[in-house]
Amino acid sequence: AEEYDPSYEGEAKLGKYTAHLMTLKVKPGVDVAYPVLKVWVDKGSG
């Protein structure tokens, strides 16, 4: 949350899990290893 701004891509299946799929883009002036991430967050466990 401190380093990236999110955009929502929708729900996605990952094996037996249903996940929130988001694309994260690094905030201006923040140094990270990868400036763009795609993350799958399990709706059940978080």
All heavy atoms as atom14 arrays in JSON, in Angstrom:
{
  "sequence": "AEEYDPSYEGEAKLGKYTAHLMTLKVKPGVDVAYPVLKVWVDKGSG",
  "atom14_mask": [
    [1, 1, 1, 1, 1, 0, 0, 0, 0, 0, 0, 0, 0, 0],
    [1, 1, 1, 1, 1, 1, 1, 1, 1, 0, 0, 0, 0, 0],
    [1, 1, 1, 1, 1, 1, 1, 1, 1, 0, 0, 0, 0, 0],
    [1, 1, 1, 1, 1, 1, 1, 1, 1, 1, 1, 1, 0, 0],
    [1, 1, 1, 1, 1, 1, 1, 1, 0, 0, 0, 0, 0, 0],
    [1, 1, 1, 1, 1, 1, 1, 0, 0, 0, 0, 0, 0, 0],
    [1, 1, 1, 1, 1, 1, 0, 0, 0, 0, 0, 0, 0, 0],
    [1, 1, 1, 1, 1, 1, 1, 1, 1, 1, 1, 1, 0, 0],
    [1, 1, 1, 1, 1, 1, 1, 1, 1, 0, 0, 0, 0, 0],
    [1, 1, 1, 1, 0, 0, 0, 0, 0, 0, 0, 0, 0, 0],
    [1, 1, 1, 1, 1, 1, 1, 1, 1, 0, 0, 0, 0, 0],
    [1, 1, 1, 1, 1, 0, 0, 0, 0, 0, 0, 0, 0, 0],
    [1, 1, 1, 1, 1, 1, 1, 1, 1, 0, 0, 0, 0, 0],
    [1, 1, 1, 1, 1, 1, 1, 1, 0, 0, 0, 0, 0, 0],
    [1, 1, 1, 1, 0, 0, 0, 0, 0, 0, 0, 0, 0, 0],
    [1, 1, 1, 1, 1, 1, 1, 1, 1, 0, 0, 0, 0, 0],
    [1, 1, 1, 1, 1, 1, 1, 1, 1, 1, 1, 1, 0, 0],
    [1, 1, 1, 1, 1, 1, 1, 0, 0, 0, 0, 0, 0, 0],
    [1, 1, 1, 1, 1, 0, 0, 0, 0, 0, 0, 0, 0, 0],
    [1, 1, 1, 1, 1, 1, 1, 1, 1, 1, 0, 0, 0, 0],
    [1, 1, 1, 1, 1, 1, 1, 1, 0, 0, 0, 0, 0, 0],
    [1, 1, 1, 1, 1, 1, 1, 1, 0, 0, 0, 0, 0, 0],
    [1, 1, 1, 1, 1, 1, 1, 0, 0, 0, 0, 0, 0, 0],
    [1, 1, 1, 1, 1, 1, 1, 1, 0, 0, 0, 0, 0, 0],
    [1, 1, 1, 1, 1, 1, 1, 1, 1, 0, 0, 0, 0, 0],
    [1, 1, 1, 1, 1, 1, 1, 0, 0, 0, 0, 0, 0, 0],
    [1, 1, 1, 1, 1, 1, 1, 1, 1, 0, 0, 0, 0, 0],
    [1, 1, 1, 1, 1, 1, 1, 0, 0, 0, 0, 0, 0, 0],
    [1, 1, 1, 1, 0, 0, 0, 0, 0, 0, 0, 0, 0, 0],
    [1, 1, 1, 1, 1, 1, 1, 0, 0, 0, 0, 0, 0, 0],
    [1, 1, 1, 1, 1, 1, 1, 1, 0, 0, 0, 0, 0, 0],
    [1, 1, 1, 1, 1, 1, 1, 0, 0, 0, 0, 0, 0, 0],
    [1, 1, 1, 1, 1, 0, 0, 0, 0, 0, 0, 0, 0, 0],
    [1, 1, 1, 1, 1, 1, 1, 1, 1, 1, 1, 1, 0, 0],
    [1, 1, 1, 1, 1, 1, 1, 0, 0, 0, 0, 0, 0, 0],
    [1, 1, 1, 1, 1, 1, 1, 0, 0, 0, 0, 0, 0, 0],
    [1, 1, 1, 1, 1, 1, 1, 1, 0, 0, 0, 0, 0, 0],
    [1, 1, 1, 1, 1, 1, 1, 1, 1, 0, 0, 0, 0, 0],
    [1, 1, 1, 1, 1, 1, 1, 0, 0, 0, 0, 0, 0, 0],
    [1, 1, 1, 1, 1, 1, 1, 1, 1, 1, 1, 1, 1, 1],
    [1, 1, 1, 1, 1, 1, 1, 0, 0, 0, 0, 0, 0, 0],
    [1, 1, 1, 1, 1, 1, 1, 1, 0, 0, 0, 0, 0, 0],
    [1, 1, 1, 1, 1, 1, 1, 1, 1, 0, 0, 0, 0, 0],
    [1, 1, 1, 1, 0, 0, 0, 0, 0, 0, 0, 0, 0, 0],
    [1, 1, 1, 1, 1, 1, 0, 0, 0, 0, 0, 0, 0, 0],
    [1, 1, 1, 1, 0, 0, 0, 0, 0, 0, 0, 0, 0, 0]
  ],
  "atom14_positions": [
    [[0.83, -1.21, 0.0], [0.0, 0.0, 0.0], [0.86, 1.26, 0.0], [0.46, 2.28, -0.55], [-0.93, -0.01, 1.22], [0.0, 0.0, 0.0], [0.0, 0.0, 0.0], [0.0, 0.0, 0.0], [0.0, 0.0, 0.0], [0.0, 0.0, 0.0], [0.0, 0.0, 0.0], [0.0, 0.0, 0.0], [0.0, 0.0, 0.0], [0.0, 0.0, 0.0]],
    [[2.04, 1.16, 0.59], [2.94, 2.31, 0.67], [3.66, 2.55, -0.65], [3.94, 3.7, -1.01], [3.98, 2.04, 1.77], [5.03, 3.1, 1.95], [6.07, 2.7, 2.98], [5.74, 1.93, 3.91], [7.23, 3.15, 2.86], [0.0, 0.0, 0.0], [0.0, 0.0, 0.0], [0.0, 0.0, 0.0], [0.0, 0.0, 0.0], [0.0, 0.0, 0.0]],
    [[3.91, 1.49, -1.41], [4.77, 1.6, -2.59], [4.03, 1.56, -3.92], [4.58, 2.0, -4.94], [5.82, 0.48, -2.56], [6.75, 0.58, -1.36], [7.73, -0.58, -1.24], [7.45, -1.66, -1.83], [8.76, -0.43, -0.58], [0.0, 0.0, 0.0], [0.0, 0.0, 0.0], [0.0, 0.0, 0.0], [0.0, 0.0, 0.0], [0.0, 0.0, 0.0]],
    [[2.79, 1.05, -3.94], [2.1, 0.84, -5.22], [0.68, 1.42, -5.22], [0.03, 1.52, -4.18], [1.99, -0.66, -5.52], [3.31, -1.35, -5.82], [4.06, -1.91, -4.79], [3.8, -1.43, -7.12], [5.26, -2.56, -5.05], [5.0, -2.06, -7.39], [5.72, -2.63, -6.36], [6.92, -3.27, -6.62], [0.0, 0.0, 0.0], [0.0, 0.0, 0.0]],
    [[0.21, 1.76, -6.43], [-1.18, 2.14, -6.67], [-1.86, 0.97, -7.4], [-1.35, 0.49, -8.42], [-1.26, 3.39, -7.54], [-0.78, 4.63, -6.81], [-1.12, 4.79, -5.61], [-0.06, 5.45, -7.42], [0.0, 0.0, 0.0], [0.0, 0.0, 0.0], [0.0, 0.0, 0.0], [0.0, 0.0, 0.0], [0.0, 0.0, 0.0], [0.0, 0.0, 0.0]],
    [[-3.01, 0.51, -6.89], [-3.67, -0.66, -7.48], [-4.74, -0.32, -8.52], [-5.32, 0.77, -8.5], [-4.31, -1.32, -6.26], [-4.7, -0.16, -5.39], [-3.65, 0.9, -5.61], [0.0, 0.0, 0.0], [0.0, 0.0, 0.0], [0.0, 0.0, 0.0], [0.0, 0.0, 0.0], [0.0, 0.0, 0.0], [0.0, 0.0, 0.0], [0.0, 0.0, 0.0]],
    [[-4.97, -1.26, -9.42], [-6.15, -1.22, -10.3], [-6.71, -2.64, -10.36], [-5.96, -3.61, -10.42], [-5.78, -0.71, -11.7], [-4.83, -1.55, -12.31], [0.0, 0.0, 0.0], [0.0, 0.0, 0.0], [0.0, 0.0, 0.0], [0.0, 0.0, 0.0], [0.0, 0.0, 0.0], [0.0, 0.0, 0.0], [0.0, 0.0, 0.0], [0.0, 0.0, 0.0]],
    [[-8.04, -2.72, -10.32], [-8.7, -4.02, -10.18], [-8.95, -4.65, -11.54], [-9.45, -4.01, -12.46], [-10.03, -3.84, -9.44], [-10.62, -5.14, -8.92], [-10.0, -5.84, -7.91], [-11.79, -5.65, -9.45], [-10.54, -7.02, -7.42], [-12.35, -6.81, -8.97], [-11.72, -7.5, -7.95], [-12.25, -8.67, -7.48], [0.0, 0.0, 0.0], [0.0, 0.0, 0.0]],
    [[-8.59, -5.93, -11.66], [-8.77, -6.66, -12.92], [-9.95, -7.63, -12.86], [-10.29, -8.23, -13.87], [-7.49, -7.45, -13.25], [-6.22, -6.61, -13.31], [-6.2, -5.63, -14.46], [-6.98, -5.81, -15.39], [-5.4, -4.68, -14.41], [0.0, 0.0, 0.0], [0.0, 0.0, 0.0], [0.0, 0.0, 0.0], [0.0, 0.0, 0.0], [0.0, 0.0, 0.0]],
    [[-10.53, -7.8, -11.69], [-11.66, -8.73, -11.54], [-11.3, -9.95, -10.73], [-10.2, -10.08, -10.2], [0.0, 0.0, 0.0], [0.0, 0.0, 0.0], [0.0, 0.0, 0.0], [0.0, 0.0, 0.0], [0.0, 0.0, 0.0], [0.0, 0.0, 0.0], [0.0, 0.0, 0.0], [0.0, 0.0, 0.0], [0.0, 0.0, 0.0], [0.0, 0.0, 0.0]],
    [[-12.26, -10.87, -10.62], [-12.0, -12.13, -9.93], [-11.37, -13.12, -10.9], [-11.63, -13.08, -12.1], [-13.3, -12.7, -9.36], [-13.85, -11.92, -8.19], [-15.04, -12.61, -7.56], [-15.42, -13.72, -8.03], [-15.59, -12.06, -6.59], [0.0, 0.0, 0.0], [0.0, 0.0, 0.0], [0.0, 0.0, 0.0], [0.0, 0.0, 0.0], [0.0, 0.0, 0.0]],
    [[-10.52, -14.0, -10.37], [-9.85, -14.99, -11.2], [-9.73, -16.3, -10.45], [-9.57, -16.32, -9.22], [-8.46, -14.5, -11.6], [0.0, 0.0, 0.0], [0.0, 0.0, 0.0], [0.0, 0.0, 0.0], [0.0, 0.0, 0.0], [0.0, 0.0, 0.0], [0.0, 0.0, 0.0], [0.0, 0.0, 0.0], [0.0, 0.0, 0.0], [0.0, 0.0, 0.0]],
    [[-9.83, -17.4, -11.17], [-9.64, -18.72, -10.57], [-8.17, -19.08, -10.64], [-7.5, -18.88, -11.64], [-10.46, -19.77, -11.32], [-11.97, -19.6, -11.19], [-12.44, -19.83, -9.75], [-12.36, -21.29, -9.34], [-12.91, -21.52, -7.98], [0.0, 0.0, 0.0], [0.0, 0.0, 0.0], [0.0, 0.0, 0.0], [0.0, 0.0, 0.0], [0.0, 0.0, 0.0]],
    [[-7.67, -19.6, -9.53], [-6.3, -20.07, -9.46], [-6.34, -21.43, -8.78], [-6.37, -21.54, -7.56], [-5.43, -19.09, -8.67], [-3.92, -19.18, -8.84], [-3.52, -18.89, -10.27], [-3.2, -18.22, -7.9], [0.0, 0.0, 0.0], [0.0, 0.0, 0.0], [0.0, 0.0, 0.0], [0.0, 0.0, 0.0], [0.0, 0.0, 0.0], [0.0, 0.0, 0.0]],
    [[-6.39, -22.48, -9.61], [-6.6, -23.82, -9.07], [-7.97, -23.88, -8.42], [-8.98, -23.5, -9.02], [0.0, 0.0, 0.0], [0.0, 0.0, 0.0], [0.0, 0.0, 0.0], [0.0, 0.0, 0.0], [0.0, 0.0, 0.0], [0.0, 0.0, 0.0], [0.0, 0.0, 0.0], [0.0, 0.0, 0.0], [0.0, 0.0, 0.0], [0.0, 0.0, 0.0]],
    [[-8.01, -24.3, -7.17], [-9.29, -24.41, -6.45], [-9.69, -23.1, -5.77], [-10.75, -23.01, -5.14], [-9.2, -25.52, -5.4], [-8.18, -25.26, -4.31], [-8.15, -26.4, -3.31], [-7.12, -26.13, -2.19], [-7.07, -27.24, -1.21], [0.0, 0.0, 0.0], [0.0, 0.0, 0.0], [0.0, 0.0, 0.0], [0.0, 0.0, 0.0], [0.0, 0.0, 0.0]],
    [[-8.85, -22.07, -5.9], [-9.08, -20.81, -5.2], [-9.73, -19.77, -6.12], [-9.49, -19.75, -7.33], [-7.76, -20.24, -4.68], [-7.05, -21.14, -3.7], [-6.0, -21.95, -4.13], [-7.42, -21.19, -2.37], [-5.34, -22.8, -3.24], [-6.77, -22.03, -1.46], [-5.73, -22.82, -1.91], [-5.08, -23.66, -1.04], [0.0, 0.0, 0.0], [0.0, 0.0, 0.0]],
    [[-10.53, -18.9, -5.52], [-11.05, -17.71, -6.2], [-10.31, -16.51, -5.62], [-10.25, -16.34, -4.41], [-12.56, -17.56, -5.98], [-13.22, -18.72, -6.49], [-13.08, -16.33, -6.72], [0.0, 0.0, 0.0], [0.0, 0.0, 0.0], [0.0, 0.0, 0.0], [0.0, 0.0, 0.0], [0.0, 0.0, 0.0], [0.0, 0.0, 0.0], [0.0, 0.0, 0.0]],
    [[-9.74, -15.7, -6.51], [-8.87, -14.63, -6.04], [-9.26, -13.29, -6.64], [-9.87, -13.2, -7.71], [-7.42, -14.94, -6.42], [0.0, 0.0, 0.0], [0.0, 0.0, 0.0], [0.0, 0.0, 0.0], [0.0, 0.0, 0.0], [0.0, 0.0, 0.0], [0.0, 0.0, 0.0], [0.0, 0.0, 0.0], [0.0, 0.0, 0.0], [0.0, 0.0, 0.0]],
    [[-8.93, -12.21, -5.9], [-8.96, -10.87, -6.46], [-7.67, -10.7, -7.27], [-6.58, -10.94, -6.77], [-8.97, -9.82, -5.34], [-10.21, -9.8, -4.51], [-11.45, -9.51, -5.04], [-10.4, -10.04, -3.18], [-12.35, -9.57, -4.07], [-11.74, -9.89, -2.94], [0.0, 0.0, 0.0], [0.0, 0.0, 0.0], [0.0, 0.0, 0.0], [0.0, 0.0, 0.0]],
    [[-7.81, -10.27, -8.52], [-6.63, -10.02, -9.36], [-6.47, -8.52, -9.52], [-7.38, -7.82, -9.96], [-6.8, -10.69, -10.72], [-5.72, -10.4, -11.77], [-4.33, -10.8, -11.26], [-6.03, -11.12, -13.08], [0.0, 0.0, 0.0], [0.0, 0.0, 0.0], [0.0, 0.0, 0.0], [0.0, 0.0, 0.0], [0.0, 0.0, 0.0], [0.0, 0.0, 0.0]],
    [[-5.28, -8.02, -9.12], [-5.0, -6.59, -9.22], [-3.67, -6.36, -9.92], [-2.75, -7.16, -9.79], [-4.95, -5.96, -7.83], [-6.28, -5.91, -7.11], [-6.18, -5.0, -5.52], [-5.21, -6.15, -4.56], [0.0, 0.0, 0.0], [0.0, 0.0, 0.0], [0.0, 0.0, 0.0], [0.0, 0.0, 0.0], [0.0, 0.0, 0.0], [0.0, 0.0, 0.0]],
    [[-3.6, -5.25, -10.65], [-2.33, -4.78, -11.2], [-1.86, -3.62, -10.34], [-2.63, -2.69, -10.08], [-2.48, -4.33, -12.66], [-2.84, -5.46, -13.47], [-1.18, -3.75, -13.19], [0.0, 0.0, 0.0], [0.0, 0.0, 0.0], [0.0, 0.0, 0.0], [0.0, 0.0, 0.0], [0.0, 0.0, 0.0], [0.0, 0.0, 0.0], [0.0, 0.0, 0.0]],
    [[-0.6, -3.68, -9.91], [-0.05, -2.63, -9.05], [1.07, -1.91, -9.81], [1.94, -2.56, -10.39], [0.52, -3.23, -7.76], [-0.36, -4.23, -6.99], [0.34, -4.65, -5.71], [-1.72, -3.64, -6.69], [0.0, 0.0, 0.0], [0.0, 0.0, 0.0], [0.0, 0.0, 0.0], [0.0, 0.0, 0.0], [0.0, 0.0, 0.0], [0.0, 0.0, 0.0]],
    [[1.04, -0.58, -9.78], [2.08, 0.22, -10.43], [2.77, 1.06, -9.36], [2.11, 1.68, -8.52], [1.49, 1.09, -11.53], [0.94, 0.26, -12.7], [0.46, 1.12, -13.85], [-0.03, 0.25, -15.0], [-0.52, 1.06, -16.15], [0.0, 0.0, 0.0], [0.0, 0.0, 0.0], [0.0, 0.0, 0.0], [0.0, 0.0, 0.0], [0.0, 0.0, 0.0]],
    [[4.1, 1.09, -9.41], [4.87, 1.76, -8.38], [4.53, 3.26, -8.33], [4.28, 3.89, -9.36], [6.38, 1.55, -8.6], [6.87, 2.27, -9.86], [7.18, 1.99, -7.38], [0.0, 0.0, 0.0], [0.0, 0.0, 0.0], [0.0, 0.0, 0.0], [0.0, 0.0, 0.0], [0.0, 0.0, 0.0], [0.0, 0.0, 0.0], [0.0, 0.0, 0.0]],
    [[4.5, 3.81, -7.13], [4.25, 5.24, -6.95], [5.48, 6.05, -7.36], [6.61, 5.55, -7.29], [3.9, 5.51, -5.49], [2.57, 4.89, -5.05], [2.26, 5.21, -3.6], [0.91, 4.63, -3.21], [0.55, 4.94, -1.81], [0.0, 0.0, 0.0], [0.0, 0.0, 0.0], [0.0, 0.0, 0.0], [0.0, 0.0, 0.0], [0.0, 0.0, 0.0]],
    [[5.29, 7.27, -7.79], [6.43, 8.11, -8.22], [7.46, 8.27, -7.1], [7.11, 8.48, -5.94], [5.76, 9.46, -8.54], [4.34, 9.11, -8.87], [3.99, 7.96, -7.98], [0.0, 0.0, 0.0], [0.0, 0.0, 0.0], [0.0, 0.0, 0.0], [0.0, 0.0, 0.0], [0.0, 0.0, 0.0], [0.0, 0.0, 0.0], [0.0, 0.0, 0.0]],
    [[8.73, 8.13, -7.48], [9.81, 8.35, -6.53], [10.13, 7.21, -5.6], [11.0, 7.33, -4.74], [0.0, 0.0, 0.0], [0.0, 0.0, 0.0], [0.0, 0.0, 0.0], [0.0, 0.0, 0.0], [0.0, 0.0, 0.0], [0.0, 0.0, 0.0], [0.0, 0.0, 0.0], [0.0, 0.0, 0.0], [0.0, 0.0, 0.0], [0.0, 0.0, 0.0]],
    [[9.44, 6.08, -5.76], [9.67, 4.92, -4.9], [10.59, 3.93, -5.61], [10.38, 3.61, -6.78], [8.34, 4.23, -4.51], [8.61, 2.98, -3.68], [7.45, 5.19, -3.76], [0.0, 0.0, 0.0], [0.0, 0.0, 0.0], [0.0, 0.0, 0.0], [0.0, 0.0, 0.0], [0.0, 0.0, 0.0], [0.0, 0.0, 0.0], [0.0, 0.0, 0.0]],
    [[11.6, 3.44, -4.91], [12.56, 2.48, -5.49], [12.17, 1.06, -5.11], [12.14, 0.71, -3.93], [13.97, 2.79, -4.97], [15.03, 1.92, -5.66], [14.78, 1.43, -6.77], [16.1, 1.72, -5.05], [0.0, 0.0, 0.0], [0.0, 0.0, 0.0], [0.0, 0.0, 0.0], [0.0, 0.0, 0.0], [0.0, 0.0, 0.0], [0.0, 0.0, 0.0]],
    [[11.81, 0.27, -6.1], [11.44, -1.13, -5.89], [12.14, -2.0, -6.93], [12.65, -1.49, -7.93], [9.91, -1.35, -5.98], [9.18, -0.64, -4.85], [9.38, -0.88, -7.34], [0.0, 0.0, 0.0], [0.0, 0.0, 0.0], [0.0, 0.0, 0.0], [0.0, 0.0, 0.0], [0.0, 0.0, 0.0], [0.0, 0.0, 0.0], [0.0, 0.0, 0.0]],
    [[12.16, -3.31, -6.69], [12.79, -4.22, -7.64], [11.99, -4.31, -8.94], [12.57, -4.38, -10.03], [12.95, -5.6, -7.02], [0.0, 0.0, 0.0], [0.0, 0.0, 0.0], [0.0, 0.0, 0.0], [0.0, 0.0, 0.0], [0.0, 0.0, 0.0], [0.0, 0.0, 0.0], [0.0, 0.0, 0.0], [0.0, 0.0, 0.0], [0.0, 0.0, 0.0]],
    [[10.66, -4.28, -8.81], [9.8, -4.43, -9.99], [8.72, -3.36, -9.96], [7.91, -3.32, -9.02], [9.17, -5.83, -10.01], [10.18, -6.94, -9.98], [10.43, -7.65, -8.79], [10.92, -7.28, -11.1], [11.37, -8.67, -8.75], [11.87, -8.29, -11.07], [12.09, -8.98, -9.89], [13.02, -9.97, -9.85], [0.0, 0.0, 0.0], [0.0, 0.0, 0.0]],
    [[8.64, -2.5, -10.97], [7.7, -1.38, -10.96], [6.24, -1.76, -11.22], [5.34, -0.97, -10.92], [8.22, -0.46, -12.05], [8.99, -1.35, -12.97], [9.58, -2.43, -12.11], [0.0, 0.0, 0.0], [0.0, 0.0, 0.0], [0.0, 0.0, 0.0], [0.0, 0.0, 0.0], [0.0, 0.0, 0.0], [0.0, 0.0, 0.0], [0.0, 0.0, 0.0]],
    [[6.0, -2.94, -11.78], [4.63, -3.38, -12.06], [4.45, -4.81, -11.53], [5.29, -5.68, -11.8], [4.31, -3.33, -13.57], [2.87, -3.81, -13.82], [4.51, -1.93, -14.13], [0.0, 0.0, 0.0], [0.0, 0.0, 0.0], [0.0, 0.0, 0.0], [0.0, 0.0, 0.0], [0.0, 0.0, 0.0], [0.0, 0.0, 0.0], [0.0, 0.0, 0.0]],
    [[3.38, -5.01, -10.78], [3.06, -6.33, -10.24], [1.64, -6.72, -10.63], [0.77, -5.86, -10.76], [3.14, -6.34, -8.7], [4.39, -5.8, -8.02], [4.19, -5.86, -6.51], [5.62, -6.59, -8.42], [0.0, 0.0, 0.0], [0.0, 0.0, 0.0], [0.0, 0.0, 0.0], [0.0, 0.0, 0.0], [0.0, 0.0, 0.0], [0.0, 0.0, 0.0]],
    [[1.43, -8.0, -10.78], [0.08, -8.56, -10.84], [-0.04, -9.51, -9.65], [0.8, -10.41, -9.5], [-0.17, -9.31, -12.15], [-0.44, -8.41, -13.34], [-0.91, -9.2, -14.56], [-1.25, -8.26, -15.71], [-1.74, -9.02, -16.9], [0.0, 0.0, 0.0], [0.0, 0.0, 0.0], [0.0, 0.0, 0.0], [0.0, 0.0, 0.0], [0.0, 0.0, 0.0]],
    [[-1.04, -9.3, -8.81], [-1.17, -10.12, -7.6], [-2.54, -10.79, -7.56], [-3.55, -10.19, -7.92], [-0.95, -9.28, -6.32], [0.48, -8.78, -6.23], [-1.93, -8.12, -6.23], [0.0, 0.0, 0.0], [0.0, 0.0, 0.0], [0.0, 0.0, 0.0], [0.0, 0.0, 0.0], [0.0, 0.0, 0.0], [0.0, 0.0, 0.0], [0.0, 0.0, 0.0]],
    [[-2.52, -12.04, -7.14], [-3.72, -12.83, -6.93], [-3.9, -12.99, -5.42], [-3.07, -13.63, -4.76], [-3.6, -14.2, -7.58], [-3.75, -14.23, -9.08], [-4.84, -14.68, -9.78], [-2.78, -13.85, -10.07], [-4.61, -14.6, -11.14], [-3.35, -14.09, -11.35], [-1.48, -13.33, -10.0], [-2.67, -13.83, -12.53], [-0.81, -13.04, -11.16], [-1.4, -13.3, -12.41]],
    [[-4.98, -12.41, -4.87], [-5.23, -12.45, -3.43], [-6.41, -13.36, -3.15], [-7.52, -13.12, -3.66], [-5.51, -11.04, -2.87], [-5.7, -11.09, -1.36], [-4.38, -10.08, -3.24], [0.0, 0.0, 0.0], [0.0, 0.0, 0.0], [0.0, 0.0, 0.0], [0.0, 0.0, 0.0], [0.0, 0.0, 0.0], [0.0, 0.0, 0.0], [0.0, 0.0, 0.0]],
    [[-6.19, -14.4, -2.39], [-7.23, -15.37, -2.07], [-8.4, -14.68, -1.35], [-8.21, -14.03, -0.32], [-6.64, -16.48, -1.18], [-7.66, -17.55, -0.83], [-8.67, -17.68, -1.54], [-7.43, -18.26, 0.18], [0.0, 0.0, 0.0], [0.0, 0.0, 0.0], [0.0, 0.0, 0.0], [0.0, 0.0, 0.0], [0.0, 0.0, 0.0], [0.0, 0.0, 0.0]],
    [[-9.61, -14.81, -1.89], [-10.78, -14.18, -1.28], [-11.1, -14.79, 0.07], [-11.65, -14.12, 0.94], [-12.0, -14.3, -2.21], [-11.93, -13.45, -3.45], [-13.26, -13.47, -4.21], [-14.36, -12.79, -3.43], [-15.62, -12.74, -4.21], [0.0, 0.0, 0.0], [0.0, 0.0, 0.0], [0.0, 0.0, 0.0], [0.0, 0.0, 0.0], [0.0, 0.0, 0.0]],
    [[-10.75, -16.07, 0.24], [-11.07, -16.75, 1.49], [-10.16, -16.36, 2.64], [-10.61, -15.93, 3.7], [0.0, 0.0, 0.0], [0.0, 0.0, 0.0], [0.0, 0.0, 0.0], [0.0, 0.0, 0.0], [0.0, 0.0, 0.0], [0.0, 0.0, 0.0], [0.0, 0.0, 0.0], [0.0, 0.0, 0.0], [0.0, 0.0, 0.0], [0.0, 0.0, 0.0]],
    [[-8.85, -16.46, 2.42], [-7.88, -16.23, 3.49], [-7.34, -14.8, 3.53], [-6.85, -14.34, 4.56], [-6.7, -17.2, 3.35], [-5.93, -16.89, 2.21], [0.0, 0.0, 0.0], [0.0, 0.0, 0.0], [0.0, 0.0, 0.0], [0.0, 0.0, 0.0], [0.0, 0.0, 0.0], [0.0, 0.0, 0.0], [0.0, 0.0, 0.0], [0.0, 0.0, 0.0]],
    [[-7.38, -14.1, 2.39], [-6.8, -12.77, 2.32], [-5.3, -12.78, 2.07], [-4.66, -11.73, 2.07], [0.0, 0.0, 0.0], [0.0, 0.0, 0.0], [0.0, 0.0, 0.0], [0.0, 0.0, 0.0], [0.0, 0.0, 0.0], [0.0, 0.0, 0.0], [0.0, 0.0, 0.0], [0.0, 0.0, 0.0], [0.0, 0.0, 0.0], [0.0, 0.0, 0.0]]
  ]
}
